[in-house]
Amino acid sequence: MITSKQRAYLRKLANPIEPIFQIGKGGISENMIEQLSLALESRELIKIHILETALLDAKSCINELSAQLHAEPVQAIGSKMVIYKQAKSKENRKIELPLK
């Protein structure tokens, strides 16, 4: 569980990055979960865009993805959302969160 201070720090880091995944009308699939897991391991912080054809809202989507990926939801605004998960391997860890 991350604190509000850490969440604000992650939002600041996520602001300039571009979405690397899109969720379309197919919704959330097992293949997408695997790809997101690999991306989180290498990047730790990812931004996802939900297309209008998906008929999903960002709030429910981020909660479902976070639960399946065992990650932390950072932000869900409009059709974009940001998810954080600390990398398991120490060499992939790039983000140093502020102390609690």
PDB file of N, CA and C in Angstrom:
ATOM      1  N   MET A   1       0.847  -1.184   0.000  1.00  0.00           N
ATOM      2  CA  MET A   1       0.000   0.000   0.000  1.00  0.00           C
ATOM      3  C   MET A   1       0.888   1.242   0.000  1.00  0.00           C
ATOM      4  N   ILE A   2       0.618   2.149  -0.925  1.00  0.00           N
ATOM      5  CA  ILE A   2       1.416   3.365  -0.996  1.00  0.00           C
ATOM      6  C   ILE A   2       0.652   4.524  -0.358  1.00  0.00           C
ATOM      7  N   THR A   3       1.386   5.490   0.145  1.00  0.00           N
ATOM      8  CA  THR A   3       0.781   6.637   0.809  1.00  0.00           C
ATOM      9  C   THR A   3       0.377   7.687  -0.226  1.00  0.00           C
ATOM     10  N   SER A   4      -0.332   8.698   0.212  1.00  0.00           N
ATOM     11  CA  SER A   4      -0.757   9.767  -0.699  1.00  0.00           C
ATOM     12  C   SER A   4       0.446  10.573  -1.199  1.00  0.00           C
ATOM     13  N   LYS A   5       1.465  10.711  -0.363  1.00  0.00           N
ATOM     14  CA  LYS A   5       2.685  11.406  -0.777  1.00  0.00           C
ATOM     15  C   LYS A   5       3.393  10.623  -1.892  1.00  0.00           C
ATOM     16  N   GLN A   6       3.466   9.308  -1.739  1.00  0.00           N
ATOM     17  CA  GLN A   6       4.089   8.473  -2.761  1.00  0.00           C
ATOM     18  C   GLN A   6       3.261   8.475  -4.044  1.00  0.00           C
ATOM     19  N   ARG A   7       1.933   8.465  -3.890  1.00  0.00           N
ATOM     20  CA  ARG A   7       1.034   8.504  -5.047  1.00  0.00           C
ATOM     21  C   ARG A   7       1.219   9.807  -5.823  1.00  0.00           C
ATOM     22  N   ALA A   8       1.361  10.907  -5.112  1.00  0.00           N
ATOM     23  CA  ALA A   8       1.584  12.205  -5.761  1.00  0.00           C
ATOM     24  C   ALA A   8       2.918  12.202  -6.504  1.00  0.00           C
ATOM     25  N   TYR A   9       3.931  11.596  -5.922  1.00  0.00           N
ATOM     26  CA  TYR A   9       5.239  11.497  -6.563  1.00  0.00           C
ATOM     27  C   TYR A   9       5.137  10.676  -7.855  1.00  0.00           C
ATOM     28  N   LEU A  10       4.402   9.566  -7.803  1.00  0.00           N
ATOM     29  CA  LEU A  10       4.232   8.719  -8.989  1.00  0.00           C
ATOM     30  C   LEU A  10       3.417   9.431 -10.069  1.00  0.00           C
ATOM     31  N   ARG A  11       2.421  10.213  -9.663  1.00  0.00           N
ATOM     32  CA  ARG A  11       1.643  10.992 -10.649  1.00  0.00           C
ATOM     33  C   ARG A  11       2.543  11.986 -11.364  1.00  0.00           C
ATOM     34  N   LYS A  12       3.456  12.594 -10.623  1.00  0.00           N
ATOM     35  CA  LYS A  12       4.399  13.544 -11.210  1.00  0.00           C
ATOM     36  C   LYS A  12       5.299  12.844 -12.226  1.00  0.00           C
ATOM     37  N   LEU A  13       5.775  11.654 -11.893  1.00  0.00           N
ATOM     38  CA  LEU A  13       6.621  10.896 -12.805  1.00  0.00           C
ATOM     39  C   LEU A  13       5.854  10.434 -14.048  1.00  0.00           C
ATOM     40  N   ALA A  14       4.579  10.136 -13.880  1.00  0.00           N
ATOM     41  CA  ALA A  14       3.773   9.604 -14.987  1.00  0.00           C
ATOM     42  C   ALA A  14       3.283  10.683 -15.940  1.00  0.00           C
ATOM     43  N   ASN A  15       3.307  11.918 -15.516  1.00  0.00           N
ATOM     44  CA  ASN A  15       2.767  12.999 -16.341  1.00  0.00           C
ATOM     45  C   ASN A  15       3.375  13.055 -17.748  1.00  0.00           C
ATOM     46  N   PRO A  16       4.694  13.028 -17.909  1.00  0.00           N
ATOM     47  CA  PRO A  16       5.245  13.158 -19.269  1.00  0.00           C
ATOM     48  C   PRO A  16       5.240  11.874 -20.105  1.00  0.00           C
ATOM     49  N   ILE A  17       4.992  10.703 -19.494  1.00  0.00           N
ATOM     50  CA  ILE A  17       5.082   9.472 -20.276  1.00  0.00           C
ATOM     51  C   ILE A  17       3.829   9.269 -21.124  1.00  0.00           C
ATOM     52  N   GLU A  18       4.010   8.596 -22.245  1.00  0.00           N
ATOM     53  CA  GLU A  18       2.912   8.303 -23.165  1.00  0.00           C
ATOM     54  C   GLU A  18       2.314   6.941 -22.820  1.00  0.00           C
ATOM     55  N   PRO A  19       1.013   6.750 -23.100  1.00  0.00           N
ATOM     56  CA  PRO A  19       0.410   5.423 -22.884  1.00  0.00           C
ATOM     57  C   PRO A  19       1.072   4.373 -23.769  1.00  0.00           C
ATOM     58  N   ILE A  20       1.379   3.215 -23.191  1.00  0.00           N
ATOM     59  CA  ILE A  20       2.011   2.161 -23.976  1.00  0.00           C
ATOM     60  C   ILE A  20       1.026   1.037 -24.304  1.00  0.00           C
ATOM     61  N   PHE A  21      -0.166   1.055 -23.698  1.00  0.00           N
ATOM     62  CA  PHE A  21      -1.196   0.065 -23.983  1.00  0.00           C
ATOM     63  C   PHE A  21      -2.516   0.769 -24.236  1.00  0.00           C
ATOM     64  N   GLN A  22      -3.356   0.110 -25.037  1.00  0.00           N
ATOM     65  CA  GLN A  22      -4.712   0.588 -25.274  1.00  0.00           C
ATOM     66  C   GLN A  22      -5.670  -0.549 -24.994  1.00  0.00           C
ATOM     67  N   ILE A  23      -6.776  -0.216 -24.346  1.00  0.00           N
ATOM     68  CA  ILE A  23      -7.823  -1.199 -24.119  1.00  0.00           C
ATOM     69  C   ILE A  23      -8.957  -0.858 -25.082  1.00  0.00           C
ATOM     70  N   GLY A  24      -9.301  -1.810 -25.934  1.00  0.00           N
ATOM     71  CA  GLY A  24     -10.324  -1.594 -26.950  1.00  0.00           C
ATOM     72  C   GLY A  24     -11.606  -2.321 -26.616  1.00  0.00           C
ATOM     73  N   LYS A  25     -12.396  -2.602 -27.656  1.00  0.00           N
ATOM     74  CA  LYS A  25     -13.693  -3.233 -27.435  1.00  0.00           C
ATOM     75  C   LYS A  25     -13.570  -4.671 -26.947  1.00  0.00           C
ATOM     76  N   GLY A  26     -12.394  -5.274 -27.121  1.00  0.00           N
ATOM     77  CA  GLY A  26     -12.166  -6.627 -26.609  1.00  0.00           C
ATOM     78  C   GLY A  26     -12.065  -6.670 -25.094  1.00  0.00           C
ATOM     79  N   GLY A  27     -11.854  -5.520 -24.476  1.00  0.00           N
ATOM     80  CA  GLY A  27     -11.749  -5.457 -23.022  1.00  0.00           C
ATOM     81  C   GLY A  27     -10.411  -5.973 -22.521  1.00  0.00           C
ATOM     82  N   ILE A  28     -10.430  -6.502 -21.319  1.00  0.00           N
ATOM     83  CA  ILE A  28      -9.216  -6.985 -20.667  1.00  0.00           C
ATOM     84  C   ILE A  28      -9.120  -8.495 -20.864  1.00  0.00           C
ATOM     85  N   SER A  29      -8.053  -8.956 -21.507  1.00  0.00           N
ATOM     86  CA  SER A  29      -7.872 -10.383 -21.764  1.00  0.00           C
ATOM     87  C   SER A  29      -6.667 -10.902 -20.983  1.00  0.00           C
ATOM     88  N   GLU A  30      -6.520 -12.228 -20.960  1.00  0.00           N
ATOM     89  CA  GLU A  30      -5.388 -12.837 -20.261  1.00  0.00           C
ATOM     90  C   GLU A  30      -4.073 -12.446 -20.920  1.00  0.00           C
ATOM     91  N   ASN A  31      -4.066 -12.372 -22.246  1.00  0.00           N
ATOM     92  CA  ASN A  31      -2.863 -11.979 -22.968  1.00  0.00           C
ATOM     93  C   ASN A  31      -2.444 -10.556 -22.581  1.00  0.00           C
ATOM     94  N   MET A  32      -3.420  -9.667 -22.449  1.00  0.00           N
ATOM     95  CA  MET A  32      -3.131  -8.295 -22.057  1.00  0.00           C
ATOM     96  C   MET A  32      -2.542  -8.255 -20.644  1.00  0.00           C
ATOM     97  N   ILE A  33      -3.081  -9.058 -19.750  1.00  0.00           N
ATOM     98  CA  ILE A  33      -2.579  -9.116 -18.374  1.00  0.00           C
ATOM     99  C   ILE A  33      -1.115  -9.559 -18.375  1.00  0.00           C
ATOM    100  N   GLU A  34      -0.784 -10.559 -19.187  1.00  0.00           N
ATOM    101  CA  GLU A  34       0.606 -11.030 -19.270  1.00  0.00           C
ATOM    102  C   GLU A  34       1.525  -9.932 -19.799  1.00  0.00           C
ATOM    103  N   GLN A  35       1.089  -9.231 -20.849  1.00  0.00           N
ATOM    104  CA  GLN A  35       1.897  -8.160 -21.428  1.00  0.00           C
ATOM    105  C   GLN A  35       2.072  -7.003 -20.442  1.00  0.00           C
ATOM    106  N   LEU A  36       1.006  -6.652 -19.738  1.00  0.00           N
ATOM    107  CA  LEU A  36       1.091  -5.595 -18.726  1.00  0.00           C
ATOM    108  C   LEU A  36       2.047  -5.992 -17.600  1.00  0.00           C
ATOM    109  N   SER A  37       2.014  -7.250 -17.206  1.00  0.00           N
ATOM    110  CA  SER A  37       2.901  -7.730 -16.153  1.00  0.00           C
ATOM    111  C   SER A  37       4.365  -7.610 -16.576  1.00  0.00           C
ATOM    112  N   LEU A  38       4.657  -7.976 -17.818  1.00  0.00           N
ATOM    113  CA  LEU A  38       6.025  -7.848 -18.327  1.00  0.00           C
ATOM    114  C   LEU A  38       6.453  -6.385 -18.409  1.00  0.00           C
ATOM    115  N   ALA A  39       5.537  -5.524 -18.847  1.00  0.00           N
ATOM    116  CA  ALA A  39       5.847  -4.094 -18.946  1.00  0.00           C
ATOM    117  C   ALA A  39       6.085  -3.490 -17.564  1.00  0.00           C
ATOM    118  N   LEU A  40       5.294  -3.905 -16.588  1.00  0.00           N
ATOM    119  CA  LEU A  40       5.479  -3.402 -15.222  1.00  0.00           C
ATOM    120  C   LEU A  40       6.810  -3.864 -14.640  1.00  0.00           C
ATOM    121  N   GLU A  41       7.231  -5.068 -14.973  1.00  0.00           N
ATOM    122  CA  GLU A  41       8.509  -5.567 -14.466  1.00  0.00           C
ATOM    123  C   GLU A  41       9.677  -4.756 -15.024  1.00  0.00           C
ATOM    124  N   SER A  42       9.563  -4.336 -16.273  1.00  0.00           N
ATOM    125  CA  SER A  42      10.683  -3.594 -16.864  1.00  0.00           C
ATOM    126  C   SER A  42      10.592  -2.089 -16.628  1.00  0.00           C
ATOM    127  N   ARG A  43       9.374  -1.535 -16.510  1.00  0.00           N
ATOM    128  CA  ARG A  43       9.228  -0.079 -16.379  1.00  0.00           C
ATOM    129  C   ARG A  43       8.774   0.389 -15.004  1.00  0.00           C
ATOM    130  N   GLU A  44       8.050  -0.430 -14.281  1.00  0.00           N
ATOM    131  CA  GLU A  44       7.471  -0.151 -12.957  1.00  0.00           C
ATOM    132  C   GLU A  44       6.260   0.786 -13.006  1.00  0.00           C
ATOM    133  N   LEU A  45       6.245   1.737 -13.906  1.00  0.00           N
ATOM    134  CA  LEU A  45       5.159   2.716 -13.982  1.00  0.00           C
ATOM    135  C   LEU A  45       4.681   2.777 -15.430  1.00  0.00           C
ATOM    136  N   ILE A  46       3.406   2.463 -15.647  1.00  0.00           N
ATOM    137  CA  ILE A  46       2.880   2.473 -17.010  1.00  0.00           C
ATOM    138  C   ILE A  46       1.578   3.262 -17.081  1.00  0.00           C
ATOM    139  N   LYS A  47       1.344   3.817 -18.257  1.00  0.00           N
ATOM    140  CA  LYS A  47       0.115   4.553 -18.520  1.00  0.00           C
ATOM    141  C   LYS A  47      -0.665   3.789 -19.581  1.00  0.00           C
ATOM    142  N   ILE A  48      -1.970   3.670 -19.382  1.00  0.00           N
ATOM    143  CA  ILE A  48      -2.847   2.912 -20.277  1.00  0.00           C
ATOM    144  C   ILE A  48      -3.983   3.814 -20.741  1.00  0.00           C
ATOM    145  N   HIS A  49      -4.319   3.693 -22.015  1.00  0.00           N
ATOM    146  CA  HIS A  49      -5.399   4.487 -22.613  1.00  0.00           C
ATOM    147  C   HIS A  49      -6.575   3.557 -22.913  1.00  0.00           C
ATOM    148  N   ILE A  50      -7.786   3.991 -22.553  1.00  0.00           N
ATOM    149  CA  ILE A  50      -8.987   3.221 -22.850  1.00  0.00           C
ATOM    150  C   ILE A  50      -9.689   3.887 -24.025  1.00  0.00           C
ATOM    151  N   LEU A  51      -9.890   3.125 -25.088  1.00  0.00           N
ATOM    152  CA  LEU A  51     -10.564   3.656 -26.271  1.00  0.00           C
ATOM    153  C   LEU A  51     -12.064   3.807 -26.008  1.00  0.00           C
ATOM    154  N   GLU A  52     -12.706   4.696 -26.756  1.00  0.00           N
ATOM    155  CA  GLU A  52     -14.145   4.916 -26.587  1.00  0.00           C
ATOM    156  C   GLU A  52     -14.952   3.664 -26.909  1.00  0.00           C
ATOM    157  N   THR A  53     -14.454   2.842 -27.818  1.00  0.00           N
ATOM    158  CA  THR A  53     -15.189   1.636 -28.207  1.00  0.00           C
ATOM    159  C   THR A  53     -15.189   0.568 -27.122  1.00  0.00           C
ATOM    160  N   ALA A  54     -14.348   0.721 -26.099  1.00  0.00           N
ATOM    161  CA  ALA A  54     -14.248  -0.286 -25.046  1.00  0.00           C
ATOM    162  C   ALA A  54     -15.484  -0.305 -24.151  1.00  0.00           C
ATOM    163  N   LEU A  55     -16.191   0.813 -24.064  1.00  0.00           N
ATOM    164  CA  LEU A  55     -17.369   0.922 -23.197  1.00  0.00           C
ATOM    165  C   LEU A  55     -17.046   0.587 -21.740  1.00  0.00           C
ATOM    166  N   LEU A  56     -15.832   0.891 -21.325  1.00  0.00           N
ATOM    167  CA  LEU A  56     -15.400   0.709 -19.941  1.00  0.00           C
ATOM    168  C   LEU A  56     -15.012   2.066 -19.371  1.00  0.00           C
ATOM    169  N   ASP A  57     -15.143   2.225 -18.062  1.00  0.00           N
ATOM    170  CA  ASP A  57     -14.669   3.464 -17.460  1.00  0.00           C
ATOM    171  C   ASP A  57     -13.325   3.196 -16.765  1.00  0.00           C
ATOM    172  N   ALA A  58     -12.548   4.237 -16.627  1.00  0.00           N
ATOM    173  CA  ALA A  58     -11.190   4.104 -16.113  1.00  0.00           C
ATOM    174  C   ALA A  58     -11.165   3.618 -14.664  1.00  0.00           C
ATOM    175  N   LYS A  59     -12.123   4.054 -13.859  1.00  0.00           N
ATOM    176  CA  LYS A  59     -12.125   3.678 -12.435  1.00  0.00           C
ATOM    177  C   LYS A  59     -12.277   2.166 -12.246  1.00  0.00           C
ATOM    178  N   SER A  60     -13.270   1.572 -12.908  1.00  0.00           N
ATOM    179  CA  SER A  60     -13.474   0.131 -12.750  1.00  0.00           C
ATOM    180  C   SER A  60     -12.343  -0.657 -13.396  1.00  0.00           C
ATOM    181  N   CYS A  61     -11.841  -0.147 -14.501  1.00  0.00           N
ATOM    182  CA  CYS A  61     -10.748  -0.805 -15.221  1.00  0.00           C
ATOM    183  C   CYS A  61      -9.472  -0.830 -14.378  1.00  0.00           C
ATOM    184  N   ILE A  62      -9.128   0.298 -13.773  1.00  0.00           N
ATOM    185  CA  ILE A  62      -7.894   0.361 -12.976  1.00  0.00           C
ATOM    186  C   ILE A  62      -8.001  -0.540 -11.745  1.00  0.00           C
ATOM    187  N   ASN A  63      -9.176  -0.630 -11.156  1.00  0.00           N
ATOM    188  CA  ASN A  63      -9.352  -1.503  -9.994  1.00  0.00           C
ATOM    189  C   ASN A  63      -9.193  -2.972 -10.389  1.00  0.00           C
ATOM    190  N   GLU A  64      -9.775  -3.356 -11.524  1.00  0.00           N
ATOM    191  CA  GLU A  64      -9.678  -4.736 -11.984  1.00  0.00           C
ATOM    192  C   GLU A  64      -8.243  -5.096 -12.362  1.00  0.00           C
ATOM    193  N   LEU A  65      -7.592  -4.217 -13.110  1.00  0.00           N
ATOM    194  CA  LEU A  65      -6.207  -4.475 -13.515  1.00  0.00           C
ATOM    195  C   LEU A  65      -5.270  -4.536 -12.316  1.00  0.00           C
ATOM    196  N   SER A  66      -5.439  -3.626 -11.380  1.00  0.00           N
ATOM    197  CA  SER A  66      -4.575  -3.600 -10.193  1.00  0.00           C
ATOM    198  C   SER A  66      -4.709  -4.883  -9.388  1.00  0.00           C
ATOM    199  N   ALA A  67      -5.933  -5.370  -9.268  1.00  0.00           N
ATOM    200  CA  ALA A  67      -6.155  -6.601  -8.517  1.00  0.00           C
ATOM    201  C   ALA A  67      -5.515  -7.796  -9.229  1.00  0.00           C
ATOM    202  N   GLN A  68      -5.677  -7.876 -10.539  1.00  0.00           N
ATOM    203  CA  GLN A  68      -5.127  -9.014 -11.287  1.00  0.00           C
ATOM    204  C   GLN A  68      -3.601  -8.970 -11.372  1.00  0.00           C
ATOM    205  N   LEU A  69      -3.033  -7.768 -11.410  1.00  0.00           N
ATOM    206  CA  LEU A  69      -1.584  -7.621 -11.534  1.00  0.00           C
ATOM    207  C   LEU A  69      -0.872  -7.513 -10.189  1.00  0.00           C
ATOM    208  N   HIS A  70      -1.636  -7.436  -9.098  1.00  0.00           N
ATOM    209  CA  HIS A  70      -1.085  -7.203  -7.754  1.00  0.00           C
ATOM    210  C   HIS A  70      -0.249  -5.926  -7.762  1.00  0.00           C
ATOM    211  N   ALA A  71      -0.805  -4.880  -8.366  1.00  0.00           N
ATOM    212  CA  ALA A  71      -0.126  -3.592  -8.520  1.00  0.00           C
ATOM    213  C   ALA A  71      -0.913  -2.508  -7.780  1.00  0.00           C
ATOM    214  N   GLU A  72      -0.354  -1.320  -7.756  1.00  0.00           N
ATOM    215  CA  GLU A  72      -0.977  -0.175  -7.099  1.00  0.00           C
ATOM    216  C   GLU A  72      -1.606   0.756  -8.132  1.00  0.00           C
ATOM    217  N   PRO A  73      -2.895   1.062  -7.981  1.00  0.00           N
ATOM    218  CA  PRO A  73      -3.486   2.073  -8.856  1.00  0.00           C
ATOM    219  C   PRO A  73      -2.976   3.451  -8.445  1.00  0.00           C
ATOM    220  N   VAL A  74      -2.508   4.222  -9.405  1.00  0.00           N
ATOM    221  CA  VAL A  74      -1.975   5.544  -9.105  1.00  0.00           C
ATOM    222  C   VAL A  74      -2.995   6.609  -9.444  1.00  0.00           C
ATOM    223  N   GLN A  75      -3.535   6.556 -10.668  1.00  0.00           N
ATOM    224  CA  GLN A  75      -4.422   7.623 -11.115  1.00  0.00           C
ATOM    225  C   GLN A  75      -5.315   7.115 -12.239  1.00  0.00           C
ATOM    226  N   ALA A  76      -6.567   7.564 -12.249  1.00  0.00           N
ATOM    227  CA  ALA A  76      -7.491   7.276 -13.344  1.00  0.00           C
ATOM    228  C   ALA A  76      -8.248   8.551 -13.652  1.00  0.00           C
ATOM    229  N   ILE A  77      -7.925   9.162 -14.776  1.00  0.00           N
ATOM    230  CA  ILE A  77      -8.582  10.407 -15.188  1.00  0.00           C
ATOM    231  C   ILE A  77      -9.058  10.254 -16.620  1.00  0.00           C
ATOM    232  N   GLY A  78     -10.329  10.503 -16.841  1.00  0.00           N
ATOM    233  CA  GLY A  78     -10.876  10.414 -18.193  1.00  0.00           C
ATOM    234  C   GLY A  78     -10.691   9.031 -18.763  1.00  0.00           C
ATOM    235  N   SER A  79      -9.954   8.929 -19.858  1.00  0.00           N
ATOM    236  CA  SER A  79      -9.729   7.629 -20.491  1.00  0.00           C
ATOM    237  C   SER A  79      -8.310   7.119 -20.276  1.00  0.00           C
ATOM    238  N   LYS A  80      -7.586   7.725 -19.372  1.00  0.00           N
ATOM    239  CA  LYS A  80      -6.211   7.296 -19.098  1.00  0.00           C
ATOM    240  C   LYS A  80      -6.069   6.863 -17.643  1.00  0.00           C
ATOM    241  N   MET A  81      -5.172   5.893 -17.447  1.00  0.00           N
ATOM    242  CA  MET A  81      -4.903   5.438 -16.086  1.00  0.00           C
ATOM    243  C   MET A  81      -3.442   5.088 -15.943  1.00  0.00           C
ATOM    244  N   VAL A  82      -2.963   5.160 -14.707  1.00  0.00           N
ATOM    245  CA  VAL A  82      -1.555   4.906 -14.400  1.00  0.00           C
ATOM    246  C   VAL A  82      -1.491   3.840 -13.306  1.00  0.00           C
ATOM    247  N   ILE A  83      -0.615   2.848 -13.535  1.00  0.00           N
ATOM    248  CA  ILE A  83      -0.448   1.739 -12.593  1.00  0.00           C
ATOM    249  C   ILE A  83       1.030   1.614 -12.237  1.00  0.00           C
ATOM    250  N   TYR A  84       1.308   1.309 -10.963  1.00  0.00           N
ATOM    251  CA  TYR A  84       2.684   1.143 -10.482  1.00  0.00           C
ATOM    252  C   TYR A  84       2.833  -0.215  -9.809  1.00  0.00           C
ATOM    253  N   LYS A  85       3.959  -0.844 -10.073  1.00  0.00           N
ATOM    254  CA  LYS A  85       4.330  -2.065  -9.355  1.00  0.00           C
ATOM    255  C   LYS A  85       5.845  -2.125  -9.290  1.00  0.00           C
ATOM    256  N   GLN A  86       6.378  -2.283  -8.094  1.00  0.00           N
ATOM    257  CA  GLN A  86       7.832  -2.358  -7.937  1.00  0.00           C
ATOM    258  C   GLN A  86       8.348  -3.622  -8.610  1.00  0.00           C
ATOM    259  N   ALA A  87       9.434  -3.492  -9.358  1.00  0.00           N
ATOM    260  CA  ALA A  87      10.035  -4.624 -10.062  1.00  0.00           C
ATOM    261  C   ALA A  87      10.574  -5.641  -9.059  1.00  0.00           C
ATOM    262  N   LYS A  88      10.457  -6.916  -9.411  1.00  0.00           N
ATOM    263  CA  LYS A  88      10.948  -7.977  -8.527  1.00  0.00           C
ATOM    264  C   LYS A  88      12.473  -8.031  -8.519  1.00  0.00           C
ATOM    265  N   SER A  89      13.074  -7.879  -9.695  1.00  0.00           N
ATOM    266  CA  SER A  89      14.540  -7.933  -9.763  1.00  0.00           C
ATOM    267  C   SER A  89      15.133  -6.556  -9.457  1.00  0.00           C
ATOM    268  N   LYS A  90      16.181  -6.554  -8.675  1.00  0.00           N
ATOM    269  CA  LYS A  90      16.778  -5.289  -8.229  1.00  0.00           C
ATOM    270  C   LYS A  90      17.360  -4.475  -9.376  1.00  0.00           C
ATOM    271  N   GLU A  91      17.855  -5.120 -10.439  1.00  0.00           N
ATOM    272  CA  GLU A  91      18.430  -4.360 -11.548  1.00  0.00           C
ATOM    273  C   GLU A  91      17.373  -3.631 -12.373  1.00  0.00           C
ATOM    274  N   ASN A  92      16.115  -4.052 -12.282  1.00  0.00           N
ATOM    275  CA  ASN A  92      15.038  -3.370 -13.010  1.00  0.00           C
ATOM    276  C   ASN A  92      14.407  -2.235 -12.203  1.00  0.00           C
ATOM    277  N   ARG A  93      14.748  -2.100 -10.948  1.00  0.00           N
ATOM    278  CA  ARG A  93      14.159  -1.054 -10.110  1.00  0.00           C
ATOM    279  C   ARG A  93      14.740   0.300 -10.471  1.00  0.00           C
ATOM    280  N   LYS A  94      13.867   1.187 -10.930  1.00  0.00           N
ATOM    281  CA  LYS A  94      14.277   2.514 -11.354  1.00  0.00           C
ATOM    282  C   LYS A  94      13.693   3.614 -10.481  1.00  0.00           C
ATOM    283  N   ILE A  95      12.550   3.333  -9.877  1.00  0.00           N
ATOM    284  CA  ILE A  95      11.830   4.346  -9.118  1.00  0.00           C
ATOM    285  C   ILE A  95      12.086   4.173  -7.632  1.00  0.00           C
ATOM    286  N   GLU A  96      12.539   5.236  -7.008  1.00  0.00           N
ATOM    287  CA  GLU A  96      12.759   5.264  -5.569  1.00  0.00           C
ATOM    288  C   GLU A  96      11.646   6.102  -4.940  1.00  0.00           C
ATOM    289  N   LEU A  97      10.734   5.442  -4.249  1.00  0.00           N
ATOM    290  CA  LEU A  97       9.603   6.142  -3.641  1.00  0.00           C
ATOM    291  C   LEU A  97      10.062   6.925  -2.397  1.00  0.00           C
ATOM    292  N   PRO A  98       9.420   8.088  -2.143  1.00  0.00           N
ATOM    293  CA  PRO A  98       9.719   8.818  -0.904  1.00  0.00           C
ATOM    294  C   PRO A  98       9.347   7.961   0.310  1.00  0.00           C
ATOM    295  N   LEU A  99      10.022   8.188   1.411  1.00  0.00           N
ATOM    296  CA  LEU A  99       9.728   7.419   2.625  1.00  0.00           C
ATOM    297  C   LEU A  99       8.327   7.719   3.121  1.00  0.00           C
ATOM    298  N   LYS A 100       7.769   6.743   3.835  1.00  0.00           N
ATOM    299  CA  LYS A 100       6.395   6.875   4.340  1.00  0.00           C
ATOM    300  C   LYS A 100       6.284   7.885   5.419  1.00  0.00           C
TER     301      LYS A 100
END
